[in-house]
PDB file of N, CA and C in Angstrom:
ATOM      1  N   UNK A   1      98.599 124.403  85.479  1.00  0.00           N
ATOM      2  CA  UNK A   1      99.533 124.052  86.530  1.00  0.00           C
ATOM      3  C   UNK A   1     100.800 124.895  86.359  1.00  0.00           C
ATOM      4  N   UNK A   2     101.283 125.412  87.453  1.00  0.00           N
ATOM      5  CA  UNK A   2     102.494 126.228  87.457  1.00  0.00           C
ATOM      6  C   UNK A   2     103.726 125.364  87.176  1.00  0.00           C
ATOM      7  N   UNK A   3     104.747 125.982  86.607  1.00  0.00           N
ATOM      8  CA  UNK A   3     105.999 125.282  86.349  1.00  0.00           C
ATOM      9  C   UNK A   3     106.612 124.797  87.662  1.00  0.00           C
ATOM     10  N   UNK A   4     106.511 125.600  88.706  1.00  0.00           N
ATOM     11  CA  UNK A   4     107.075 125.203  90.004  1.00  0.00           C
ATOM     12  C   UNK A   4     106.380 123.952  90.539  1.00  0.00           C
ATOM     13  N   UNK A   5     105.070 123.851  90.329  1.00  0.00           N
ATOM     14  CA  UNK A   5     104.351 122.644  90.751  1.00  0.00           C
ATOM     15  C   UNK A   5     104.794 121.432  89.933  1.00  0.00           C
ATOM     16  N   UNK A   6     104.968 121.633  88.623  1.00  0.00           N
ATOM     17  CA  UNK A   6     105.416 120.530  87.771  1.00  0.00           C
ATOM     18  C   UNK A   6     106.794 120.042  88.205  1.00  0.00           C
ATOM     19  N   UNK A   7     107.687 120.974  88.521  1.00  0.00           N
ATOM     20  CA  UNK A   7     109.010 120.587  89.007  1.00  0.00           C
ATOM     21  C   UNK A   7     108.908 119.857  90.344  1.00  0.00           C
ATOM     22  N   UNK A   8     108.018 120.324  91.194  1.00  0.00           N
ATOM     23  CA  UNK A   8     107.810 119.679  92.489  1.00  0.00           C
ATOM     24  C   UNK A   8     107.313 118.253  92.338  1.00  0.00           C
ATOM     25  N   UNK A   9     106.343 118.051  91.459  1.00  0.00           N
ATOM     26  CA  UNK A   9     105.833 116.700  91.221  1.00  0.00           C
ATOM     27  C   UNK A   9     106.902 115.798  90.605  1.00  0.00           C
ATOM     28  N   UNK A  10     107.677 116.340  89.667  1.00  0.00           N
ATOM     29  CA  UNK A  10     108.738 115.557  89.041  1.00  0.00           C
ATOM     30  C   UNK A  10     109.798 115.163  90.068  1.00  0.00           C
ATOM     31  N   UNK A  11     110.258 116.127  90.848  1.00  0.00           N
ATOM     32  CA  UNK A  11     111.263 115.844  91.880  1.00  0.00           C
ATOM     33  C   UNK A  11     110.727 114.835  92.890  1.00  0.00           C
ATOM     34  N   UNK A  12     109.499 115.015  93.311  1.00  0.00           N
ATOM     35  CA  UNK A  12     108.887 114.100  94.270  1.00  0.00           C
ATOM     36  C   UNK A  12     108.751 112.694  93.723  1.00  0.00           C
ATOM     37  N   UNK A  13     108.354 112.590  92.467  1.00  0.00           N
ATOM     38  CA  UNK A  13     108.201 111.281  91.835  1.00  0.00           C
ATOM     39  C   UNK A  13     109.542 110.560  91.737  1.00  0.00           C
ATOM     40  N   UNK A  14     110.562 111.283  91.305  1.00  0.00           N
ATOM     41  CA  UNK A  14     111.880 110.661  91.146  1.00  0.00           C
ATOM     42  C   UNK A  14     112.489 110.246  92.479  1.00  0.00           C
ATOM     43  N   UNK A  15     112.431 111.123  93.468  1.00  0.00           N
ATOM     44  CA  UNK A  15     113.043 110.783  94.757  1.00  0.00           C
ATOM     45  C   UNK A  15     112.259 109.690  95.476  1.00  0.00           C
ATOM     46  N   UNK A  16     110.951 109.682  95.317  1.00  0.00           N
ATOM     47  CA  UNK A  16     110.141 108.629  95.928  1.00  0.00           C
ATOM     48  C   UNK A  16     110.378 107.303  95.220  1.00  0.00           C
ATOM     49  N   UNK A  17     110.439 107.337  93.897  1.00  0.00           N
ATOM     50  CA  UNK A  17     110.675 106.117  93.121  1.00  0.00           C
ATOM     51  C   UNK A  17     112.034 105.505  93.443  1.00  0.00           C
ATOM     52  N   UNK A  18     112.982 106.318  93.863  1.00  0.00           N
ATOM     53  CA  UNK A  18     114.308 105.808  94.209  1.00  0.00           C
ATOM     54  C   UNK A  18     114.263 104.846  95.391  1.00  0.00           C
ATOM     55  N   UNK A  19     113.243 104.936  96.225  1.00  0.00           N
ATOM     56  CA  UNK A  19     113.124 104.053  97.384  1.00  0.00           C
ATOM     57  C   UNK A  19     112.545 102.682  97.028  1.00  0.00           C
ATOM     58  N   UNK A  20     111.830 102.595  95.932  1.00  0.00           N
ATOM     59  CA  UNK A  20     111.123 101.362  95.577  1.00  0.00           C
ATOM     60  C   UNK A  20     112.056 100.159  95.403  1.00  0.00           C
ATOM     61  N   UNK A  21     113.188 100.271  94.699  1.00  0.00           N
ATOM     62  CA  UNK A  21     114.049  99.085  94.560  1.00  0.00           C
ATOM     63  C   UNK A  21     114.539  98.524  95.899  1.00  0.00           C
ATOM     64  N   UNK A  22     114.855  99.395  96.850  1.00  0.00           N
ATOM     65  CA  UNK A  22     115.308  98.915  98.160  1.00  0.00           C
ATOM     66  C   UNK A  22     114.185  98.197  98.897  1.00  0.00           C
ATOM     67  N   UNK A  23     112.987  98.768  98.851  1.00  0.00           N
ATOM     68  CA  UNK A  23     111.840  98.125  99.501  1.00  0.00           C
ATOM     69  C   UNK A  23     111.589  96.763  98.872  1.00  0.00           C
ATOM     70  N   UNK A  24     111.577  96.696  97.557  1.00  0.00           N
ATOM     71  CA  UNK A  24     111.286  95.444  96.858  1.00  0.00           C
ATOM     72  C   UNK A  24     112.356  94.388  97.134  1.00  0.00           C
ATOM     73  N   UNK A  25     113.629  94.780  97.046  1.00  0.00           N
ATOM     74  CA  UNK A  25     114.719  93.829  97.272  1.00  0.00           C
ATOM     75  C   UNK A  25     114.684  93.294  98.698  1.00  0.00           C
ATOM     76  N   UNK A  26     114.490  94.177  99.651  1.00  0.00           N
ATOM     77  CA  UNK A  26     114.468  93.753 101.053  1.00  0.00           C
ATOM     78  C   UNK A  26     113.273  92.849 101.324  1.00  0.00           C
ATOM     79  N   UNK A  27     112.131  93.185 100.768  1.00  0.00           N
ATOM     80  CA  UNK A  27     110.931  92.363 100.938  1.00  0.00           C
ATOM     81  C   UNK A  27     111.140  90.974 100.340  1.00  0.00           C
ATOM     82  N   UNK A  28     111.741  90.936  99.169  1.00  0.00           N
ATOM     83  CA  UNK A  28     111.927  89.678  98.455  1.00  0.00           C
ATOM     84  C   UNK A  28     112.988  88.793  99.102  1.00  0.00           C
ATOM     85  N   UNK A  29     114.121  89.369  99.509  1.00  0.00           N
ATOM     86  CA  UNK A  29     115.245  88.569 100.007  1.00  0.00           C
ATOM     87  C   UNK A  29     115.300  88.449 101.527  1.00  0.00           C
ATOM     88  N   UNK A  30     114.662  89.356 102.223  1.00  0.00           N
ATOM     89  CA  UNK A  30     114.727  89.433 103.695  1.00  0.00           C
ATOM     90  C   UNK A  30     116.154  89.703 104.186  1.00  0.00           C
ATOM     91  N   UNK A  31     117.029  90.130 103.290  1.00  0.00           N
ATOM     92  CA  UNK A  31     118.421  90.422 103.635  1.00  0.00           C
ATOM     93  C   UNK A  31     118.549  91.900 103.989  1.00  0.00           C
ATOM     94  N   UNK A  32     118.857  92.171 105.240  1.00  0.00           N
ATOM     95  CA  UNK A  32     118.990  93.553 105.716  1.00  0.00           C
ATOM     96  C   UNK A  32     120.425  93.868 106.132  1.00  0.00           C
ATOM     97  N   UNK A  33     121.355  93.000 105.763  1.00  0.00           N
ATOM     98  CA  UNK A  33     122.735  93.163 106.210  1.00  0.00           C
ATOM     99  C   UNK A  33     123.378  94.453 105.711  1.00  0.00           C
ATOM    100  N   UNK A  34     122.974  94.949 104.563  1.00  0.00           N
ATOM    101  CA  UNK A  34     123.571  96.164 104.017  1.00  0.00           C
ATOM    102  C   UNK A  34     122.833  97.437 104.371  1.00  0.00           C
ATOM    103  N   UNK A  35     121.841  97.344 105.235  1.00  0.00           N
ATOM    104  CA  UNK A  35     121.027  98.509 105.593  1.00  0.00           C
ATOM    105  C   UNK A  35     121.440  99.010 106.970  1.00  0.00           C
ATOM    106  N   UNK A  36     121.747 100.288 107.041  1.00  0.00           N
ATOM    107  CA  UNK A  36     122.137 100.898 108.310  1.00  0.00           C
ATOM    108  C   UNK A  36     120.888 101.332 109.079  1.00  0.00           C
ATOM    109  N   UNK A  37     120.709 100.771 110.263  1.00  0.00           N
ATOM    110  CA  UNK A  37     119.564 101.134 111.097  1.00  0.00           C
ATOM    111  C   UNK A  37     119.626 102.610 111.476  1.00  0.00           C
ATOM    112  N   UNK A  38     120.796 103.089 111.834  1.00  0.00           N
ATOM    113  CA  UNK A  38     120.953 104.495 112.217  1.00  0.00           C
ATOM    114  C   UNK A  38     120.606 105.420 111.045  1.00  0.00           C
ATOM    115  N   UNK A  39     121.124 105.105 109.857  1.00  0.00           N
ATOM    116  CA  UNK A  39     120.860 105.939 108.690  1.00  0.00           C
ATOM    117  C   UNK A  39     119.373 105.966 108.363  1.00  0.00           C
ATOM    118  N   UNK A  40     118.727 104.799 108.335  1.00  0.00           N
ATOM    119  CA  UNK A  40     117.308 104.764 107.984  1.00  0.00           C
ATOM    120  C   UNK A  40     116.437 105.399 109.055  1.00  0.00           C
ATOM    121  N   UNK A  41     116.851 105.343 110.306  1.00  0.00           N
ATOM    122  CA  UNK A  41     116.098 106.012 111.374  1.00  0.00           C
ATOM    123  C   UNK A  41     116.146 107.526 111.191  1.00  0.00           C
ATOM    124  N   UNK A  42     117.338 108.042 110.931  1.00  0.00           N
ATOM    125  CA  UNK A  42     117.490 109.487 110.711  1.00  0.00           C
ATOM    126  C   UNK A  42     116.769 109.903 109.436  1.00  0.00           C
ATOM    127  N   UNK A  43     116.927 109.119 108.375  1.00  0.00           N
ATOM    128  CA  UNK A  43     116.300 109.410 107.087  1.00  0.00           C
ATOM    129  C   UNK A  43     114.778 109.450 107.205  1.00  0.00           C
ATOM    130  N   UNK A  44     114.207 108.464 107.879  1.00  0.00           N
ATOM    131  CA  UNK A  44     112.754 108.389 108.053  1.00  0.00           C
ATOM    132  C   UNK A  44     112.245 109.562 108.881  1.00  0.00           C
ATOM    133  N   UNK A  45     112.979 109.926 109.911  1.00  0.00           N
ATOM    134  CA  UNK A  45     112.604 111.094 110.714  1.00  0.00           C
ATOM    135  C   UNK A  45     112.650 112.357 109.860  1.00  0.00           C
ATOM    136  N   UNK A  46     113.668 112.485 109.035  1.00  0.00           N
ATOM    137  CA  UNK A  46     113.775 113.636 108.139  1.00  0.00           C
ATOM    138  C   UNK A  46     112.606 113.724 107.172  1.00  0.00           C
ATOM    139  N   UNK A  47     112.201 112.599 106.622  1.00  0.00           N
ATOM    140  CA  UNK A  47     111.048 112.588 105.716  1.00  0.00           C
ATOM    141  C   UNK A  47     109.786 113.019 106.459  1.00  0.00           C
ATOM    142  N   UNK A  48     109.619 112.553 107.687  1.00  0.00           N
ATOM    143  CA  UNK A  48     108.446 112.946 108.480  1.00  0.00           C
ATOM    144  C   UNK A  48     108.435 114.455 108.717  1.00  0.00           C
ATOM    145  N   UNK A  49     109.601 115.026 108.962  1.00  0.00           N
ATOM    146  CA  UNK A  49     109.688 116.479 109.164  1.00  0.00           C
ATOM    147  C   UNK A  49     109.373 117.213 107.861  1.00  0.00           C
ATOM    148  N   UNK A  50     109.890 116.711 106.725  1.00  0.00           N
ATOM    149  CA  UNK A  50     109.553 117.313 105.434  1.00  0.00           C
ATOM    150  C   UNK A  50     108.043 117.241 105.167  1.00  0.00           C
ATOM    151  N   UNK A  51     107.433 116.132 105.523  1.00  0.00           N
ATOM    152  CA  UNK A  51     105.984 115.998 105.356  1.00  0.00           C
ATOM    153  C   UNK A  51     105.254 117.031 106.201  1.00  0.00           C
ATOM    154  N   UNK A  52     105.658 117.176 107.452  1.00  0.00           N
ATOM    155  CA  UNK A  52     105.040 118.176 108.326  1.00  0.00           C
ATOM    156  C   UNK A  52     105.224 119.578 107.757  1.00  0.00           C
ATOM    157  N   UNK A  53     106.404 119.853 107.226  1.00  0.00           N
ATOM    158  CA  UNK A  53     106.683 121.155 106.619  1.00  0.00           C
ATOM    159  C   UNK A  53     105.774 121.389 105.407  1.00  0.00           C
ATOM    160  N   UNK A  54     105.614 120.369 104.571  1.00  0.00           N
ATOM    161  CA  UNK A  54     104.727 120.485 103.420  1.00  0.00           C
ATOM    162  C   UNK A  54     103.283 120.715 103.823  1.00  0.00           C
ATOM    163  N   UNK A  55     102.848 120.049 104.885  1.00  0.00           N
ATOM    164  CA  UNK A  55     101.488 120.256 105.398  1.00  0.00           C
ATOM    165  C   UNK A  55     101.336 121.681 105.906  1.00  0.00           C
ATOM    166  N   UNK A  56     102.337 122.151 106.642  1.00  0.00           N
ATOM    167  CA  UNK A  56     102.317 123.515 107.175  1.00  0.00           C
ATOM    168  C   UNK A  56     102.213 124.543 106.050  1.00  0.00           C
ATOM    169  N   UNK A  57     102.949 124.315 104.950  1.00  0.00           N
ATOM    170  CA  UNK A  57     102.933 125.240 103.814  1.00  0.00           C
ATOM    171  C   UNK A  57     101.769 124.990 102.857  1.00  0.00           C
ATOM    172  N   UNK A  58     101.059 123.886 103.064  1.00  0.00           N
ATOM    173  CA  UNK A  58      99.962 123.483 102.167  1.00  0.00           C
ATOM    174  C   UNK A  58     100.463 123.300 100.730  1.00  0.00           C
ATOM    175  N   UNK A  59     101.624 122.666 100.620  1.00  0.00           N
ATOM    176  CA  UNK A  59     102.238 122.384  99.322  1.00  0.00           C
ATOM    177  C   UNK A  59     101.947 120.935  98.940  1.00  0.00           C
ATOM    178  N   UNK A  60     100.988 120.758  98.052  1.00  0.00           N
ATOM    179  CA  UNK A  60     100.546 119.422  97.668  1.00  0.00           C
ATOM    180  C   UNK A  60     101.673 118.531  97.141  1.00  0.00           C
ATOM    181  N   UNK A  61     102.536 119.021  96.230  1.00  0.00           N
ATOM    182  CA  UNK A  61     103.603 118.131  95.749  1.00  0.00           C
ATOM    183  C   UNK A  61     104.495 117.629  96.887  1.00  0.00           C
ATOM    184  N   UNK A  62     104.823 118.502  97.812  1.00  0.00           N
ATOM    185  CA  UNK A  62     105.677 118.130  98.937  1.00  0.00           C
ATOM    186  C   UNK A  62     104.964 117.142  99.858  1.00  0.00           C
ATOM    187  N   UNK A  63     103.685 117.363 100.080  1.00  0.00           N
ATOM    188  CA  UNK A  63     102.920 116.459 100.942  1.00  0.00           C
ATOM    189  C   UNK A  63     102.803 115.071 100.316  1.00  0.00           C
ATOM    190  N   UNK A  64     102.495 115.034  99.030  1.00  0.00           N
ATOM    191  CA  UNK A  64     102.312 113.744  98.362  1.00  0.00           C
ATOM    192  C   UNK A  64     103.618 112.956  98.310  1.00  0.00           C
ATOM    193  N   UNK A  65     104.680 113.604  97.864  1.00  0.00           N
ATOM    194  CA  UNK A  65     105.963 112.908  97.727  1.00  0.00           C
ATOM    195  C   UNK A  65     106.466 112.408  99.073  1.00  0.00           C
ATOM    196  N   UNK A  66     106.405 113.256 100.073  1.00  0.00           N
ATOM    197  CA  UNK A  66     106.926 112.855 101.375  1.00  0.00           C
ATOM    198  C   UNK A  66     105.995 111.887 102.092  1.00  0.00           C
ATOM    199  N   UNK A  67     104.716 111.944 101.812  1.00  0.00           N
ATOM    200  CA  UNK A  67     103.790 110.968 102.384  1.00  0.00           C
ATOM    201  C   UNK A  67     104.089 109.567 101.880  1.00  0.00           C
ATOM    202  N   UNK A  68     104.259 109.437 100.566  1.00  0.00           N
ATOM    203  CA  UNK A  68     104.581 108.128  99.983  1.00  0.00           C
ATOM    204  C   UNK A  68     105.988 107.697 100.400  1.00  0.00           C
ATOM    205  N   UNK A  69     106.931 108.637 100.378  1.00  0.00           N
ATOM    206  CA  UNK A  69     108.304 108.315 100.796  1.00  0.00           C
ATOM    207  C   UNK A  69     108.350 107.841 102.239  1.00  0.00           C
ATOM    208  N   UNK A  70     107.540 108.451 103.085  1.00  0.00           N
ATOM    209  CA  UNK A  70     107.512 108.053 104.492  1.00  0.00           C
ATOM    210  C   UNK A  70     107.029 106.609 104.642  1.00  0.00           C
ATOM    211  N   UNK A  71     106.012 106.249 103.885  1.00  0.00           N
ATOM    212  CA  UNK A  71     105.512 104.866 103.926  1.00  0.00           C
ATOM    213  C   UNK A  71     106.604 103.893 103.468  1.00  0.00           C
ATOM    214  N   UNK A  72     107.285 104.222 102.376  1.00  0.00           N
ATOM    215  CA  UNK A  72     108.331 103.340 101.855  1.00  0.00           C
ATOM    216  C   UNK A  72     109.521 103.244 102.810  1.00  0.00           C
ATOM    217  N   UNK A  73     109.947 104.377 103.351  1.00  0.00           N
ATOM    218  CA  UNK A  73     111.077 104.370 104.291  1.00  0.00           C
ATOM    219  C   UNK A  73     110.715 103.615 105.566  1.00  0.00           C
ATOM    220  N   UNK A  74     109.489 103.783 106.029  1.00  0.00           N
ATOM    221  CA  UNK A  74     109.040 103.036 107.214  1.00  0.00           C
ATOM    222  C   UNK A  74     109.028 101.540 106.932  1.00  0.00           C
ATOM    223  N   UNK A  75     108.661 101.165 105.714  1.00  0.00           N
ATOM    224  CA  UNK A  75     108.653  99.745 105.351  1.00  0.00           C
ATOM    225  C   UNK A  75     110.060  99.163 105.455  1.00  0.00           C
ATOM    226  N   UNK A  76     111.055  99.881 104.948  1.00  0.00           N
ATOM    227  CA  UNK A  76     112.438  99.406 105.043  1.00  0.00           C
ATOM    228  C   UNK A  76     112.871  99.345 106.502  1.00  0.00           C
ATOM    229  N   UNK A  77     112.527 100.359 107.262  1.00  0.00           N
ATOM    230  CA  UNK A  77     112.902 100.403 108.678  1.00  0.00           C
ATOM    231  C   UNK A  77     112.276  99.246 109.455  1.00  0.00           C
ATOM    232  N   UNK A  78     111.011  98.971 109.199  1.00  0.00           N
ATOM    233  CA  UNK A  78     110.331  97.855 109.870  1.00  0.00           C
ATOM    234  C   UNK A  78     110.973  96.526 109.475  1.00  0.00           C
ATOM    235  N   UNK A  79     111.289  96.364 108.194  1.00  0.00           N
ATOM    236  CA  UNK A  79     111.939  95.121 107.765  1.00  0.00           C
ATOM    237  C   UNK A  79     113.325  94.988 108.385  1.00  0.00           C
ATOM    238  N   UNK A  80     114.047  96.088 108.513  1.00  0.00           N
ATOM    239  CA  UNK A  80     115.364  96.034 109.154  1.00  0.00           C
ATOM    240  C   UNK A  80     115.223  95.550 110.593  1.00  0.00           C
ATOM    241  N   UNK A  81     114.254  96.080 111.303  1.00  0.00           N
ATOM    242  CA  UNK A  81     114.041  95.667 112.694  1.00  0.00           C
ATOM    243  C   UNK A  81     113.542  94.223 112.782  1.00  0.00           C
ATOM    244  N   UNK A  82     112.684  93.847 111.868  1.00  0.00           N
ATOM    245  CA  UNK A  82     112.104  92.502 111.906  1.00  0.00           C
ATOM    246  C   UNK A  82     113.113  91.419 111.536  1.00  0.00           C
ATOM    247  N   UNK A  83     113.922  91.674 110.534  1.00  0.00           N
ATOM    248  CA  UNK A  83     114.827  90.650 110.020  1.00  0.00           C
ATOM    249  C   UNK A  83     116.247  90.770 110.555  1.00  0.00           C
ATOM    250  N   UNK A  84     116.524  91.721 111.431  1.00  0.00           N
ATOM    251  CA  UNK A  84     117.903  91.898 111.888  1.00  0.00           C
ATOM    252  C   UNK A  84     118.379  90.756 112.765  1.00  0.00           C
ATOM    253  N   UNK A  85     117.493  90.085 113.485  1.00  0.00           N
ATOM    254  CA  UNK A  85     117.918  88.945 114.302  1.00  0.00           C
ATOM    255  C   UNK A  85     118.481  87.854 113.407  1.00  0.00           C
ATOM    256  N   UNK A  86     117.809  87.607 112.315  1.00  0.00           N
ATOM    257  CA  UNK A  86     118.287  86.618 111.347  1.00  0.00           C
ATOM    258  C   UNK A  86     119.643  87.060 110.805  1.00  0.00           C
ATOM    259  N   UNK A  87     119.770  88.347 110.510  1.00  0.00           N
ATOM    260  CA  UNK A  87     121.006  88.913 109.989  1.00  0.00           C
ATOM    261  C   UNK A  87     122.130  88.794 111.017  1.00  0.00           C
ATOM    262  N   UNK A  88     121.850  89.116 112.273  1.00  0.00           N
ATOM    263  CA  UNK A  88     122.846  89.055 113.338  1.00  0.00           C
ATOM    264  C   UNK A  88     123.296  87.621 113.575  1.00  0.00           C
ATOM    265  N   UNK A  89     122.361  86.699 113.602  1.00  0.00           N
ATOM    266  CA  UNK A  89     122.672  85.290 113.833  1.00  0.00           C
ATOM    267  C   UNK A  89     123.575  84.764 112.712  1.00  0.00           C
ATOM    268  N   UNK A  90     123.263  85.108 111.489  1.00  0.00           N
ATOM    269  CA  UNK A  90     124.053  84.633 110.355  1.00  0.00           C
ATOM    270  C   UNK A  90     125.472  85.188 110.402  1.00  0.00           C
ATOM    271  N   UNK A  91     125.640  86.413 110.855  1.00  0.00           N
ATOM    272  CA  UNK A  91     126.974  87.002 110.887  1.00  0.00           C
ATOM    273  C   UNK A  91     127.831  86.428 112.011  1.00  0.00           C
ATOM    274  N   UNK A  92     127.222  85.800 113.009  1.00  0.00           N
ATOM    275  CA  UNK A  92     127.969  85.218 114.123  1.00  0.00           C
ATOM    276  C   UNK A  92     128.372  83.768 113.879  1.00  0.00           C
ATOM    277  N   UNK A  93     127.744  83.125 112.896  1.00  0.00           N
ATOM    278  CA  UNK A  93     128.057  81.729 112.628  1.00  0.00           C
ATOM    279  C   UNK A  93     129.457  81.619 112.040  1.00  0.00           C
ATOM    280  N   UNK A  94     130.240  80.631 112.495  1.00  0.00           N
ATOM    281  CA  UNK A  94     131.586  80.468 111.932  1.00  0.00           C
ATOM    282  C   UNK A  94     131.498  80.007 110.485  1.00  0.00           C
ATOM    283  N   UNK A  95     132.500  80.365 109.725  1.00  0.00           N
ATOM    284  CA  UNK A  95     132.543  79.944 108.330  1.00  0.00           C
ATOM    285  C   UNK A  95     132.842  78.451 108.264  1.00  0.00           C
ATOM    286  N   UNK A  96     132.253  77.797 107.296  1.00  0.00           N
ATOM    287  CA  UNK A  96     132.491  76.360 107.120  1.00  0.00           C
ATOM    288  C   UNK A  96     133.933  76.141 106.682  1.00  0.00           C
ATOM    289  N   UNK A  97     134.527  75.084 107.190  1.00  0.00           N
ATOM    290  CA  UNK A  97     135.909  74.773 106.811  1.00  0.00           C
ATOM    291  C   UNK A  97     135.903  73.812 105.631  1.00  0.00           C
ATOM    292  N   UNK A  98     136.808  74.067 104.730  1.00  0.00           N
ATOM    293  CA  UNK A  98     136.876  73.236 103.524  1.00  0.00           C
ATOM    294  C   UNK A  98     137.600  71.943 103.763  1.00  0.00           C
TER     295      UNK A  98
END
């Protein structure tokens, strides 16, 4: 295996693994209040473009990392859309008076 491939796999593993805590926390708590819909929409689109670029270049490390990252980013995006009504409703409720 080439050094460039090893670096590609390492970079892909680290950047993809960085998404796992957000996916897990959001799945577990259903709290999406700190997630920006605009940011995750742009981010997910960017990952899809990187995946297409990797496919075009036939670069396996890029395809694998961005394929998994796309699934994880889509999961966060779907949870943001699914749970945002709950988030919006909670933010509109008046605070309890002591």
